Amino acid sequence: MNLQNVEQARYYMIEQQIRPWDVSDDAVIELLTLVKREDFVPLAQKSLAFVDMAIALPGDQSMLPPRVQARLLQDAAVTSTDKVLEIGTGTGFMTAILARQSQRVISLEINPELAEMAQSNLQRAGIHNVEIRQADGSKGTLADAPFDVIVLGGSVAEVPKTLLDMLKVGGRLVGIVGEEPIMHAQTITRTSETNFTVIDKWDDNAPRLVNFPQPSAFKF
């Protein structure tokens, strides 16, 4: 794919997938233009970089579709002074955009191959305010808390209190929560030391993050 075709494909991704999905934040749209998604897609799947689908990654993981990533980024509403925790680095594409928006990003990726891939991708993109750690994201990183924003790069059955407790008061967590057939993208805001507000924003399914607890199917 030559450069002109790549830019045309990026344009159509934004205009036909992302904007129609109620993504109107100019800052997010601009970063989706500037951060080259094709550079964060594994070589074997380069042709799928701008397609409206999840892309298979090592370790039975997935890169979320562009419209889903864009909507999560819009919901996160990251500002230049924010410290961000990302759970599930994947190839580092969302990490790169979060880094361009924020003061600092810590991103946890359980799969060593993906953590290494993301680190290389971010270095090539010239992004340096990110720390990639090969770690179990379900446990977060208490030593670095509190965070202004926590972003989940995949779905969970329920958000562990462990992660919510790592938010600053006024901080927010965004992610896709629930069970198939319909999951809900939620924004959970910490309103005080003990209270949180939950807003369901939109519906979509997403692959599971690894090691997050599943609710028991057993019922009395």
C-alpha atoms as a PDB file:
ATOM      1  CA  MET A   1       0.000   0.000   0.000  1.00  0.00           C
ATOM      2  CA  ASN A   2       1.576   3.286  -1.071  1.00  0.00           C
ATOM      3  CA  LEU A   3       1.539   6.425   1.064  1.00  0.00           C
ATOM      4  CA  GLN A   4      -1.398   7.990  -0.746  1.00  0.00           C
ATOM      5  CA  ASN A   5      -3.487   4.834  -0.303  1.00  0.00           C
ATOM      6  CA  VAL A   6      -2.531   4.627   3.372  1.00  0.00           C
ATOM      7  CA  GLU A   7      -3.645   8.198   4.022  1.00  0.00           C
ATOM      8  CA  GLN A   8      -6.858   7.604   2.102  1.00  0.00           C
ATOM      9  CA  ALA A   9      -7.540   4.470   4.176  1.00  0.00           C
ATOM     10  CA  ARG A  10      -6.895   6.455   7.373  1.00  0.00           C
ATOM     11  CA  TYR A  11      -9.269   9.182   6.200  1.00  0.00           C
ATOM     12  CA  TYR A  12     -12.034   6.662   5.495  1.00  0.00           C
ATOM     13  CA  MET A  13     -11.414   4.962   8.873  1.00  0.00           C
ATOM     14  CA  ILE A  14     -12.031   8.291  10.604  1.00  0.00           C
ATOM     15  CA  GLU A  15     -14.929   9.482   8.447  1.00  0.00           C
ATOM     16  CA  GLN A  16     -16.800   6.181   7.969  1.00  0.00           C
ATOM     17  CA  GLN A  17     -16.096   4.301  11.211  1.00  0.00           C
ATOM     18  CA  ILE A  18     -15.080   6.713  13.945  1.00  0.00           C
ATOM     19  CA  ARG A  19     -17.100   9.895  13.451  1.00  0.00           C
ATOM     20  CA  PRO A  20     -20.375   7.984  12.847  1.00  0.00           C
ATOM     21  CA  TRP A  21     -19.757   6.311  16.227  1.00  0.00           C
ATOM     22  CA  ASP A  22     -20.229   9.638  18.008  1.00  0.00           C
ATOM     23  CA  VAL A  23     -16.545  10.425  18.305  1.00  0.00           C
ATOM     24  CA  SER A  24     -16.448  14.205  17.935  1.00  0.00           C
ATOM     25  CA  ASP A  25     -13.521  15.194  20.181  1.00  0.00           C
ATOM     26  CA  ASP A  26     -11.206  17.146  17.869  1.00  0.00           C
ATOM     27  CA  ALA A  27      -8.142  16.270  19.950  1.00  0.00           C
ATOM     28  CA  VAL A  28      -8.831  12.539  19.651  1.00  0.00           C
ATOM     29  CA  ILE A  29      -9.516  12.828  15.906  1.00  0.00           C
ATOM     30  CA  GLU A  30      -6.275  14.746  15.395  1.00  0.00           C
ATOM     31  CA  LEU A  31      -4.243  12.149  17.275  1.00  0.00           C
ATOM     32  CA  LEU A  32      -5.830   9.345  15.255  1.00  0.00           C
ATOM     33  CA  THR A  33      -4.463  11.175  12.213  1.00  0.00           C
ATOM     34  CA  LEU A  34      -1.010  11.842  13.680  1.00  0.00           C
ATOM     35  CA  VAL A  35      -0.318   8.502  15.412  1.00  0.00           C
ATOM     36  CA  LYS A  36       0.152   5.974  12.623  1.00  0.00           C
ATOM     37  CA  ARG A  37      -2.030   2.990  13.470  1.00  0.00           C
ATOM     38  CA  GLU A  38      -0.411   0.890  10.748  1.00  0.00           C
ATOM     39  CA  ASP A  39       2.925   1.123  12.607  1.00  0.00           C
ATOM     40  CA  PHE A  40       1.341  -0.570  15.636  1.00  0.00           C
ATOM     41  CA  VAL A  41      -0.212  -3.514  13.777  1.00  0.00           C
ATOM     42  CA  PRO A  42       1.792  -6.773  13.529  1.00  0.00           C
ATOM     43  CA  LEU A  43       3.450  -7.128  10.133  1.00  0.00           C
ATOM     44  CA  ALA A  44       1.285 -10.073   9.060  1.00  0.00           C
ATOM     45  CA  GLN A  45      -1.873  -7.998   9.622  1.00  0.00           C
ATOM     46  CA  LYS A  46      -0.751  -4.649   8.150  1.00  0.00           C
ATOM     47  CA  SER A  47      -3.514  -4.843   5.534  1.00  0.00           C
ATOM     48  CA  LEU A  48      -6.104  -4.859   8.356  1.00  0.00           C
ATOM     49  CA  ALA A  49      -4.813  -1.720  10.089  1.00  0.00           C
ATOM     50  CA  PHE A  50      -7.818   0.430   9.152  1.00  0.00           C
ATOM     51  CA  VAL A  51     -10.521  -2.256   9.029  1.00  0.00           C
ATOM     52  CA  ASP A  52     -13.484  -2.193  11.435  1.00  0.00           C
ATOM     53  CA  MET A  53     -12.524  -5.374  13.285  1.00  0.00           C
ATOM     54  CA  ALA A  54     -10.422  -6.667  16.150  1.00  0.00           C
ATOM     55  CA  ILE A  55      -6.941  -7.815  15.074  1.00  0.00           C
ATOM     56  CA  ALA A  56      -5.541 -11.054  16.513  1.00  0.00           C
ATOM     57  CA  LEU A  57      -2.401 -10.659  18.626  1.00  0.00           C
ATOM     58  CA  PRO A  58      -0.057 -13.157  20.307  1.00  0.00           C
ATOM     59  CA  GLY A  59      -1.360 -14.928  23.398  1.00  0.00           C
ATOM     60  CA  ASP A  60      -4.964 -15.098  22.147  1.00  0.00           C
ATOM     61  CA  GLN A  61      -5.279 -11.342  22.643  1.00  0.00           C
ATOM     62  CA  SER A  62      -6.682  -8.711  20.293  1.00  0.00           C
ATOM     63  CA  MET A  63      -6.211  -5.125  19.164  1.00  0.00           C
ATOM     64  CA  LEU A  64      -9.606  -3.453  19.507  1.00  0.00           C
ATOM     65  CA  PRO A  65     -11.325  -2.019  16.401  1.00  0.00           C
ATOM     66  CA  PRO A  66     -10.483   1.645  15.649  1.00  0.00           C
ATOM     67  CA  ARG A  67     -13.969   2.954  16.538  1.00  0.00           C
ATOM     68  CA  VAL A  68     -13.871   1.238  19.950  1.00  0.00           C
ATOM     69  CA  GLN A  69     -10.405   2.558  20.742  1.00  0.00           C
ATOM     70  CA  ALA A  70     -11.463   6.056  19.673  1.00  0.00           C
ATOM     71  CA  ARG A  71     -14.599   6.011  21.796  1.00  0.00           C
ATOM     72  CA  LEU A  72     -12.705   4.825  24.886  1.00  0.00           C
ATOM     73  CA  LEU A  73     -10.130   7.571  24.352  1.00  0.00           C
ATOM     74  CA  GLN A  74     -12.899  10.155  24.065  1.00  0.00           C
ATOM     75  CA  ASP A  75     -14.551   8.885  27.258  1.00  0.00           C
ATOM     76  CA  ALA A  76     -11.219   9.008  29.114  1.00  0.00           C
ATOM     77  CA  ALA A  77     -10.952  12.779  28.430  1.00  0.00           C
ATOM     78  CA  VAL A  78      -7.253  12.809  29.290  1.00  0.00           C
ATOM     79  CA  THR A  79      -5.550  16.150  29.963  1.00  0.00           C
ATOM     80  CA  SER A  80      -1.912  17.204  29.863  1.00  0.00           C
ATOM     81  CA  THR A  81      -1.455  17.006  33.644  1.00  0.00           C
ATOM     82  CA  ASP A  82      -2.950  13.504  34.044  1.00  0.00           C
ATOM     83  CA  LYS A  83      -1.104  10.428  35.230  1.00  0.00           C
ATOM     84  CA  VAL A  84      -2.609   7.447  33.411  1.00  0.00           C
ATOM     85  CA  LEU A  85      -2.631   3.719  34.097  1.00  0.00           C
ATOM     86  CA  GLU A  86      -3.411   1.525  31.088  1.00  0.00           C
ATOM     87  CA  ILE A  87      -4.301  -2.129  31.579  1.00  0.00           C
ATOM     88  CA  GLY A  88      -3.498  -4.237  28.527  1.00  0.00           C
ATOM     89  CA  THR A  89      -0.893  -2.489  26.389  1.00  0.00           C
ATOM     90  CA  GLY A  90      -1.331  -4.732  23.364  1.00  0.00           C
ATOM     91  CA  THR A  91       0.752  -3.280  20.529  1.00  0.00           C
ATOM     92  CA  GLY A  92       0.931   0.161  22.153  1.00  0.00           C
ATOM     93  CA  PHE A  93      -1.385   2.132  19.843  1.00  0.00           C
ATOM     94  CA  MET A  94      -3.777   3.410  22.519  1.00  0.00           C
ATOM     95  CA  THR A  95      -0.756   3.828  24.784  1.00  0.00           C
ATOM     96  CA  ALA A  96       0.787   6.164  22.233  1.00  0.00           C
ATOM     97  CA  ILE A  97      -2.306   8.354  22.041  1.00  0.00           C
ATOM     98  CA  LEU A  98      -2.711   8.419  25.823  1.00  0.00           C
ATOM     99  CA  ALA A  99       0.928   9.464  26.108  1.00  0.00           C
ATOM    100  CA  ARG A 100       0.451  12.312  23.635  1.00  0.00           C
ATOM    101  CA  GLN A 101      -2.471  13.568  25.748  1.00  0.00           C
ATOM    102  CA  SER A 102      -1.073  13.119  29.259  1.00  0.00           C
ATOM    103  CA  GLN A 103       1.871  13.839  31.507  1.00  0.00           C
ATOM    104  CA  ARG A 104       2.802  10.187  32.046  1.00  0.00           C
ATOM    105  CA  VAL A 105       1.498   6.693  31.255  1.00  0.00           C
ATOM    106  CA  ILE A 106       2.231   3.430  33.032  1.00  0.00           C
ATOM    107  CA  SER A 107       0.982   0.526  30.914  1.00  0.00           C
ATOM    108  CA  LEU A 108       0.771  -3.073  32.147  1.00  0.00           C
ATOM    109  CA  GLU A 109       0.872  -5.983  29.692  1.00  0.00           C
ATOM    110  CA  ILE A 110       0.801  -9.583  30.901  1.00  0.00           C
ATOM    111  CA  ASN A 111       2.137 -11.079  27.657  1.00  0.00           C
ATOM    112  CA  PRO A 112       5.939 -10.676  27.385  1.00  0.00           C
ATOM    113  CA  GLU A 113       5.931 -10.765  23.559  1.00  0.00           C
ATOM    114  CA  LEU A 114       3.350  -7.968  23.394  1.00  0.00           C
ATOM    115  CA  ALA A 115       5.133  -5.898  26.051  1.00  0.00           C
ATOM    116  CA  GLU A 116       8.329  -6.084  23.980  1.00  0.00           C
ATOM    117  CA  MET A 117       6.455  -5.298  20.737  1.00  0.00           C
ATOM    118  CA  ALA A 118       4.749  -2.280  22.293  1.00  0.00           C
ATOM    119  CA  GLN A 119       8.033  -0.978  23.699  1.00  0.00           C
ATOM    120  CA  SER A 120       9.653  -1.168  20.250  1.00  0.00           C
ATOM    121  CA  ASN A 121       6.652   0.464  18.553  1.00  0.00           C
ATOM    122  CA  LEU A 122       6.623   3.355  21.018  1.00  0.00           C
ATOM    123  CA  GLN A 123      10.364   3.917  20.708  1.00  0.00           C
ATOM    124  CA  ARG A 124      10.073   4.048  16.915  1.00  0.00           C
ATOM    125  CA  ALA A 125       7.205   6.549  17.271  1.00  0.00           C
ATOM    126  CA  GLY A 126       9.406   8.771  19.446  1.00  0.00           C
ATOM    127  CA  ILE A 127       7.186   8.510  22.531  1.00  0.00           C
ATOM    128  CA  HIS A 128       9.097   8.564  25.807  1.00  0.00           C
ATOM    129  CA  ASN A 129       6.673   9.484  28.624  1.00  0.00           C
ATOM    130  CA  VAL A 130       5.484   5.870  28.867  1.00  0.00           C
ATOM    131  CA  GLU A 131       6.653   3.024  31.059  1.00  0.00           C
ATOM    132  CA  ILE A 132       5.707  -0.430  29.737  1.00  0.00           C
ATOM    133  CA  ARG A 133       5.764  -3.172  32.350  1.00  0.00           C
ATOM    134  CA  GLN A 134       5.299  -6.872  31.766  1.00  0.00           C
ATOM    135  CA  ALA A 135       2.891  -7.430  34.651  1.00  0.00           C
ATOM    136  CA  ASP A 136      -0.547  -8.708  35.629  1.00  0.00           C
ATOM    137  CA  GLY A 137      -2.849  -5.762  34.980  1.00  0.00           C
ATOM    138  CA  SER A 138      -5.623  -7.149  37.157  1.00  0.00           C
ATOM    139  CA  LYS A 139      -3.500  -6.244  40.191  1.00  0.00           C
ATOM    140  CA  GLY A 140      -2.701  -2.726  38.983  1.00  0.00           C
ATOM    141  CA  THR A 141       0.300  -1.038  40.584  1.00  0.00           C
ATOM    142  CA  LEU A 142      -0.429   0.263  44.063  1.00  0.00           C
ATOM    143  CA  ALA A 143       3.074   1.684  44.479  1.00  0.00           C
ATOM    144  CA  ASP A 144       2.401   4.199  41.687  1.00  0.00           C
ATOM    145  CA  ALA A 145      -1.150   5.158  42.723  1.00  0.00           C
ATOM    146  CA  PRO A 146      -3.127   7.327  42.759  1.00  0.00           C
ATOM    147  CA  PHE A 147      -3.984   7.847  39.067  1.00  0.00           C
ATOM    148  CA  ASP A 148      -6.093  10.481  37.352  1.00  0.00           C
ATOM    149  CA  VAL A 149      -7.227   8.023  34.675  1.00  0.00           C
ATOM    150  CA  ILE A 150      -7.295   4.237  34.310  1.00  0.00           C
ATOM    151  CA  VAL A 151      -8.040   2.781  30.868  1.00  0.00           C
ATOM    152  CA  LEU A 152      -8.901  -0.876  30.267  1.00  0.00           C
ATOM    153  CA  GLY A 153      -7.703  -2.135  26.887  1.00  0.00           C
ATOM    154  CA  GLY A 154     -10.182  -5.021  26.837  1.00  0.00           C
ATOM    155  CA  SER A 155     -13.338  -6.123  28.598  1.00  0.00           C
ATOM    156  CA  VAL A 156     -13.854  -7.385  32.163  1.00  0.00           C
ATOM    157  CA  ALA A 157     -16.818  -9.094  33.795  1.00  0.00           C
ATOM    158  CA  GLU A 158     -16.600  -6.566  36.608  1.00  0.00           C
ATOM    159  CA  VAL A 159     -14.076  -3.914  37.608  1.00  0.00           C
ATOM    160  CA  PRO A 160     -12.034  -5.031  40.636  1.00  0.00           C
ATOM    161  CA  LYS A 161     -12.158  -2.722  43.640  1.00  0.00           C
ATOM    162  CA  THR A 162      -8.358  -3.020  43.687  1.00  0.00           C
ATOM    163  CA  LEU A 163      -8.200  -0.865  40.569  1.00  0.00           C
ATOM    164  CA  LEU A 164     -10.889   1.595  41.644  1.00  0.00           C
ATOM    165  CA  ASP A 165      -8.988   2.221  44.874  1.00  0.00           C
ATOM    166  CA  MET A 166      -6.012   3.401  42.755  1.00  0.00           C
ATOM    167  CA  LEU A 167      -7.976   6.382  41.417  1.00  0.00           C
ATOM    168  CA  LYS A 168      -7.574   9.868  42.805  1.00  0.00           C
ATOM    169  CA  VAL A 169     -10.730  11.505  44.059  1.00  0.00           C
ATOM    170  CA  GLY A 170     -12.103  13.006  40.854  1.00  0.00           C
ATOM    171  CA  GLY A 171     -10.282  10.383  38.793  1.00  0.00           C
ATOM    172  CA  ARG A 172     -12.024   8.049  36.374  1.00  0.00           C
ATOM    173  CA  LEU A 173     -11.763   4.562  34.966  1.00  0.00           C
ATOM    174  CA  VAL A 174     -13.027   3.722  31.478  1.00  0.00           C
ATOM    175  CA  GLY A 175     -13.567   0.240  30.117  1.00  0.00           C
ATOM    176  CA  ILE A 176     -16.005  -2.282  28.677  1.00  0.00           C
ATOM    177  CA  VAL A 177     -17.747  -4.249  31.392  1.00  0.00           C
ATOM    178  CA  GLY A 178     -20.197  -7.154  31.510  1.00  0.00           C
ATOM    179  CA  GLU A 179     -21.107 -10.376  29.755  1.00  0.00           C
ATOM    180  CA  GLU A 180     -21.997 -11.259  26.181  1.00  0.00           C
ATOM    181  CA  PRO A 181     -24.226 -10.755  24.269  1.00  0.00           C
ATOM    182  CA  ILE A 182     -24.150  -7.092  25.369  1.00  0.00           C
ATOM    183  CA  MET A 183     -21.421  -5.413  27.374  1.00  0.00           C
ATOM    184  CA  HIS A 184     -21.418  -1.769  28.438  1.00  0.00           C
ATOM    185  CA  ALA A 185     -18.675   0.817  28.155  1.00  0.00           C
ATOM    186  CA  GLN A 186     -18.573   2.464  31.543  1.00  0.00           C
ATOM    187  CA  THR A 187     -17.006   5.556  33.036  1.00  0.00           C
ATOM    188  CA  ILE A 188     -16.511   5.105  36.785  1.00  0.00           C
ATOM    189  CA  THR A 189     -15.595   8.291  38.655  1.00  0.00           C
ATOM    190  CA  ARG A 190     -14.296   8.402  42.205  1.00  0.00           C
ATOM    191  CA  THR A 191     -16.340  11.105  43.906  1.00  0.00           C
ATOM    192  CA  SER A 192     -14.908  10.668  47.419  1.00  0.00           C
ATOM    193  CA  GLU A 193     -12.678   8.308  49.367  1.00  0.00           C
ATOM    194  CA  THR A 194     -15.503   5.769  49.581  1.00  0.00           C
ATOM    195  CA  ASN A 195     -17.930   6.631  46.767  1.00  0.00           C
ATOM    196  CA  PHE A 196     -17.952   6.068  43.010  1.00  0.00           C
ATOM    197  CA  THR A 197     -20.426   6.962  40.282  1.00  0.00           C
ATOM    198  CA  VAL A 198     -20.941   4.633  37.320  1.00  0.00           C
ATOM    199  CA  ILE A 199     -22.253   5.817  33.947  1.00  0.00           C
ATOM    200  CA  ASP A 200     -23.055   3.395  31.133  1.00  0.00           C
ATOM    201  CA  LYS A 201     -21.950   5.210  27.972  1.00  0.00           C
ATOM    202  CA  TRP A 202     -22.496   2.826  25.031  1.00  0.00           C
ATOM    203  CA  ASP A 203     -22.799  -0.876  24.205  1.00  0.00           C
ATOM    204  CA  ASP A 204     -20.287  -3.143  22.500  1.00  0.00           C
ATOM    205  CA  ASN A 205     -18.444  -6.395  23.106  1.00  0.00           C
ATOM    206  CA  ALA A 206     -14.681  -6.695  23.451  1.00  0.00           C
ATOM    207  CA  PRO A 207     -12.211  -9.526  24.094  1.00  0.00           C
ATOM    208  CA  ARG A 208     -11.445 -10.262  27.738  1.00  0.00           C
ATOM    209  CA  LEU A 209      -8.418  -8.966  29.557  1.00  0.00           C
ATOM    210  CA  VAL A 210      -6.363 -11.802  31.014  1.00  0.00           C
ATOM    211  CA  ASN A 211      -6.555 -12.824  34.705  1.00  0.00           C
ATOM    212  CA  PHE A 212      -9.503 -10.656  35.701  1.00  0.00           C
ATOM    213  CA  PRO A 213     -11.973 -12.516  37.949  1.00  0.00           C
ATOM    214  CA  GLN A 214     -15.135 -14.018  36.484  1.00  0.00           C
ATOM    215  CA  PRO A 215     -18.307 -13.871  38.566  1.00  0.00           C
ATOM    216  CA  SER A 216     -19.342 -17.240  39.907  1.00  0.00           C
ATOM    217  CA  ALA A 217     -21.996 -18.933  37.801  1.00  0.00           C
ATOM    218  CA  PHE A 218     -23.252 -20.735  40.903  1.00  0.00           C
ATOM    219  CA  LYS A 219     -26.519 -19.423  42.289  1.00  0.00           C
ATOM    220  CA  PHE A 220     -28.338 -20.503  45.443  1.00  0.00           C
END
